[in-house]
Amino acid sequence: MRRSLVIGSANVGKTLFCIHFARYLGLRQLRWFVEQADGTTEQRQLAVEEAVRLLSGPAAHRTRQLQTVSLDVPRGKVNRQVLLTDTTGLAEGIHTDPLLREAMAQTLQALAEAQVILHIVDAARIGTSADKAGDVGRAARAVGWSPVDEQLADYGQAVGGYLILANKMDLPGAKQGYQFLRKRYSKQRVVPISALTGSGFREVRQHVWRYA
């Protein structure tokens, strides 16, 4: 079974995307397989609403392990089963918290093994910064599009299952951020989504099915 890895910086909406994408595919109860950085594992079963309340939120680095849910991804009459894996938010430099350093190392190891990479970016943050600065390119490099994102995008060019998800399209400024991403990565596919409302999920489903 192939792994679809959801990756990106902290607070871009990775966990909320995983929960709502699973709901979009028909799940109401999510059975998570949780892999801790120290090698221990556990299973958690949560209803969608409970998962949103307990696992997502504005605090940075709430996710400190790999959390995977098995999904049936339909297209026409054919279903493909994939493992959708949520990850710890990546950050620049060496984090002061040793547990977060281990969690980020775990994320990078999973990245090397994944068949599908869904790279989530906060398009609203990029676009809002661009509005304030008056220069979308300069602002996006400073806020919302980090060197970590740059490295992920460069890595993704060599991976067939890589996709950039411009998240938070329900918020002001996101359209400008999406346009920046399309221009900067014209050779990559960039899909505008909202992890909150589910917009764009059809295109994500098609991509995951194709590479699953």
Protein backbone atom coordinates (compact mmCIF):
# COMPACT_ATOMS: atom_id res chain seq x y z
CA MET A 1 0.00 0.00 0.00
CA ARG A 2 1.44 3.37 -1.02
CA ARG A 3 1.98 6.27 1.33
CA SER A 4 0.73 9.79 0.59
CA LEU A 5 2.70 12.14 2.80
CA VAL A 6 1.29 15.52 3.85
CA ILE A 7 4.22 17.81 4.55
CA GLY A 8 5.08 21.47 5.10
CA SER A 9 5.88 24.10 7.71
CA ALA A 10 4.00 24.46 11.00
CA ASN A 11 0.49 25.98 11.01
CA VAL A 12 -0.21 25.59 7.30
CA GLY A 13 -3.20 23.26 7.86
CA LYS A 14 -1.74 19.78 7.37
CA THR A 15 -3.74 18.01 10.07
CA LEU A 16 -7.03 19.71 9.22
CA PHE A 17 -6.50 18.77 5.58
CA CYS A 18 -5.97 15.10 6.49
CA ILE A 19 -9.11 15.00 8.62
CA HIS A 20 -11.39 16.75 6.15
CA PHE A 21 -9.96 14.89 3.14
CA ALA A 22 -10.76 11.61 4.89
CA ARG A 23 -14.29 12.89 5.50
CA TYR A 24 -14.55 13.93 1.85
CA LEU A 25 -13.78 10.32 0.92
CA GLY A 26 -16.59 9.07 3.12
CA LEU A 27 -15.04 8.35 6.52
CA ARG A 28 -16.82 9.46 9.68
CA GLN A 29 -14.67 7.49 12.11
CA LEU A 30 -10.91 7.85 11.66
CA ARG A 31 -8.64 5.03 12.82
CA TRP A 32 -5.21 6.60 13.20
CA PHE A 33 -2.02 4.56 13.26
CA VAL A 34 0.38 6.72 15.30
CA GLU A 35 4.14 6.20 14.89
CA GLN A 36 6.22 7.92 17.56
CA ALA A 37 9.75 9.08 16.79
CA ASP A 38 11.13 6.57 19.32
CA GLY A 39 9.67 3.67 17.33
CA THR A 40 6.64 2.96 19.52
CA THR A 41 3.21 2.78 17.90
CA GLU A 42 -0.41 3.07 18.96
CA GLN A 43 -3.87 3.27 17.42
CA ARG A 44 -6.47 5.94 18.06
CA GLN A 45 -10.04 6.00 16.80
CA LEU A 46 -11.74 9.38 16.65
CA ALA A 47 -14.86 10.75 15.02
CA VAL A 48 -14.16 13.50 12.49
CA GLU A 49 -15.47 16.27 14.76
CA GLU A 50 -13.45 14.93 17.69
CA ALA A 51 -10.30 14.72 15.58
CA VAL A 52 -10.68 18.36 14.52
CA ARG A 53 -11.04 19.44 18.14
CA LEU A 54 -8.21 17.33 19.58
CA LEU A 55 -5.64 17.24 16.79
CA SER A 56 -5.84 20.57 14.96
CA GLY A 57 -5.62 24.18 16.08
CA PRO A 58 -3.53 27.37 15.95
CA ALA A 59 -0.75 26.20 18.27
CA ALA A 60 2.48 25.32 16.46
CA HIS A 61 3.76 21.73 16.43
CA ARG A 62 0.68 20.04 17.88
CA THR A 63 1.58 17.08 15.66
CA ARG A 64 4.77 15.47 16.96
CA GLN A 65 4.63 12.09 15.23
CA LEU A 66 3.50 10.44 12.05
CA GLN A 67 -0.27 9.83 12.12
CA THR A 68 -1.67 7.73 9.33
CA VAL A 69 -5.19 6.86 8.21
CA SER A 70 -6.05 4.29 5.54
CA LEU A 71 -8.27 5.60 2.74
CA ASP A 72 -10.15 4.12 -0.21
CA VAL A 73 -9.71 6.59 -3.08
CA PRO A 74 -12.33 6.07 -5.82
CA ARG A 75 -12.17 7.02 -9.48
CA GLY A 76 -14.88 5.66 -11.70
CA LYS A 77 -15.38 2.02 -10.81
CA VAL A 78 -11.86 1.54 -9.43
CA ASN A 79 -10.89 2.10 -5.79
CA ARG A 80 -7.29 2.35 -4.67
CA GLN A 81 -6.25 2.09 -1.05
CA VAL A 82 -3.64 4.53 0.21
CA LEU A 83 -2.08 5.53 3.51
CA LEU A 84 -2.51 9.26 4.17
CA THR A 85 0.13 10.41 6.64
CA ASP A 86 0.15 13.64 8.61
CA THR A 87 3.57 14.91 9.72
CA THR A 88 5.36 17.28 12.07
CA GLY A 89 5.79 20.81 10.74
CA LEU A 90 9.31 21.42 9.46
CA ALA A 91 11.38 24.42 10.52
CA GLU A 92 14.67 26.02 9.58
CA GLY A 93 17.82 25.35 11.57
CA ILE A 94 18.12 23.13 14.64
CA HIS A 95 15.10 23.32 16.92
CA THR A 96 15.80 23.78 20.64
CA ASP A 97 13.32 21.06 21.61
CA PRO A 98 15.00 17.62 21.25
CA LEU A 99 11.65 15.86 20.86
CA LEU A 100 10.73 18.12 17.95
CA ARG A 101 14.13 17.50 16.37
CA GLU A 102 13.43 13.76 16.51
CA ALA A 103 9.94 14.27 15.08
CA MET A 104 11.29 16.35 12.19
CA ALA A 105 13.92 13.70 11.46
CA GLN A 106 11.12 11.11 11.39
CA THR A 107 9.22 13.29 8.90
CA LEU A 108 12.26 13.58 6.62
CA GLN A 109 12.77 9.81 6.67
CA ALA A 110 9.14 9.30 5.67
CA LEU A 111 9.61 11.86 2.89
CA ALA A 112 12.34 9.74 1.33
CA GLU A 113 10.04 6.70 1.31
CA ALA A 114 6.77 8.32 0.17
CA GLN A 115 5.23 7.71 -3.26
CA VAL A 116 2.94 10.76 -3.11
CA ILE A 117 4.01 14.08 -1.55
CA LEU A 118 1.36 16.69 -0.79
CA HIS A 119 3.24 19.88 0.08
CA ILE A 120 0.88 22.28 1.86
CA VAL A 121 1.56 26.02 1.89
CA ASP A 122 -0.31 28.91 3.53
CA ALA A 123 -1.28 30.87 0.42
CA ALA A 124 -3.16 33.48 2.46
CA ARG A 125 -0.05 34.36 4.45
CA ILE A 126 2.00 34.73 1.29
CA GLY A 127 -0.60 36.89 -0.41
CA THR A 128 -1.32 39.11 2.60
CA SER A 129 2.40 39.79 3.04
CA ALA A 130 2.64 40.67 -0.63
CA ASP A 131 -0.20 43.19 -0.33
CA LYS A 132 1.55 44.93 2.55
CA ALA A 133 4.93 45.00 0.85
CA GLY A 134 3.68 45.82 -2.63
CA ASP A 135 5.94 43.16 -4.13
CA VAL A 136 4.65 39.61 -4.25
CA GLY A 137 8.04 38.07 -5.02
CA ARG A 138 9.97 39.84 -2.27
CA ALA A 139 7.23 39.41 0.35
CA ALA A 140 6.68 35.74 -0.38
CA ARG A 141 10.36 34.99 0.07
CA ALA A 142 10.24 36.70 3.46
CA VAL A 143 6.92 35.46 4.87
CA GLY A 144 5.00 32.29 4.12
CA TRP A 145 7.45 30.69 1.71
CA SER A 146 10.49 29.58 3.68
CA PRO A 147 13.81 28.03 2.65
CA VAL A 148 12.32 24.74 3.87
CA ASP A 149 9.49 25.10 1.35
CA GLU A 150 12.06 25.95 -1.32
CA GLN A 151 13.99 22.76 -0.56
CA LEU A 152 10.84 20.65 -0.58
CA ALA A 153 9.84 22.08 -3.97
CA ASP A 154 13.30 21.41 -5.39
CA TYR A 155 13.15 17.84 -4.09
CA GLY A 156 9.67 17.41 -5.51
CA GLN A 157 10.83 18.18 -9.04
CA ALA A 158 12.42 14.72 -9.13
CA VAL A 159 9.39 12.96 -7.62
CA GLY A 160 6.46 12.08 -9.88
CA GLY A 161 3.86 12.18 -7.11
CA TYR A 162 4.72 15.67 -5.84
CA LEU A 163 1.97 18.30 -5.64
CA ILE A 164 1.85 21.80 -4.11
CA LEU A 165 -1.39 22.58 -2.29
CA ALA A 166 -2.04 26.32 -1.90
CA ASN A 167 -4.14 26.17 1.27
CA LYS A 168 -6.46 28.64 3.03
CA MET A 169 -8.10 29.84 -0.18
CA ASP A 170 -11.10 30.81 1.95
CA LEU A 171 -9.05 33.64 3.51
CA PRO A 172 -8.14 37.13 2.19
CA GLY A 173 -4.89 37.33 0.25
CA ALA A 174 -4.88 33.67 -0.77
CA LYS A 175 -5.52 34.38 -4.45
CA GLN A 176 -2.40 36.54 -4.63
CA GLY A 177 -0.41 33.85 -2.84
CA TYR A 178 -1.69 31.22 -5.26
CA GLN A 179 -0.66 33.37 -8.23
CA PHE A 180 2.83 33.71 -6.76
CA LEU A 181 3.17 29.95 -6.45
CA ARG A 182 1.92 29.34 -9.99
CA LYS A 183 4.38 31.86 -11.39
CA ARG A 184 7.34 30.69 -9.33
CA TYR A 185 6.72 27.00 -10.03
CA SER A 186 5.26 27.04 -13.51
CA LYS A 187 6.61 23.54 -14.19
CA GLN A 188 4.92 22.13 -11.08
CA ARG A 189 1.23 21.62 -10.54
CA VAL A 190 -0.23 23.92 -7.89
CA VAL A 191 -3.77 23.19 -6.67
CA PRO A 192 -5.73 25.81 -4.69
CA ILE A 193 -7.53 24.25 -1.73
CA SER A 194 -9.22 25.04 1.55
CA ALA A 195 -8.63 22.43 4.24
CA LEU A 196 -11.50 24.05 6.12
CA THR A 197 -14.20 24.02 3.42
CA GLY A 198 -12.96 21.16 1.23
CA SER A 199 -12.60 23.18 -1.97
CA GLY A 200 -10.05 21.68 -4.37
CA PHE A 201 -10.34 18.19 -2.88
CA ARG A 202 -11.54 16.69 -6.15
CA GLU A 203 -8.25 17.59 -7.85
CA VAL A 204 -6.27 16.23 -4.90
CA ARG A 205 -8.22 12.96 -5.04
CA GLN A 206 -7.42 12.56 -8.73
CA HIS A 207 -3.72 13.17 -8.10
CA VAL A 208 -3.55 10.71 -5.21
CA TRP A 209 -5.43 8.05 -7.21
CA ARG A 210 -3.09 8.49 -10.18
CA TYR A 211 0.05 7.84 -8.15
CA ALA A 212 -1.37 5.39 -5.60
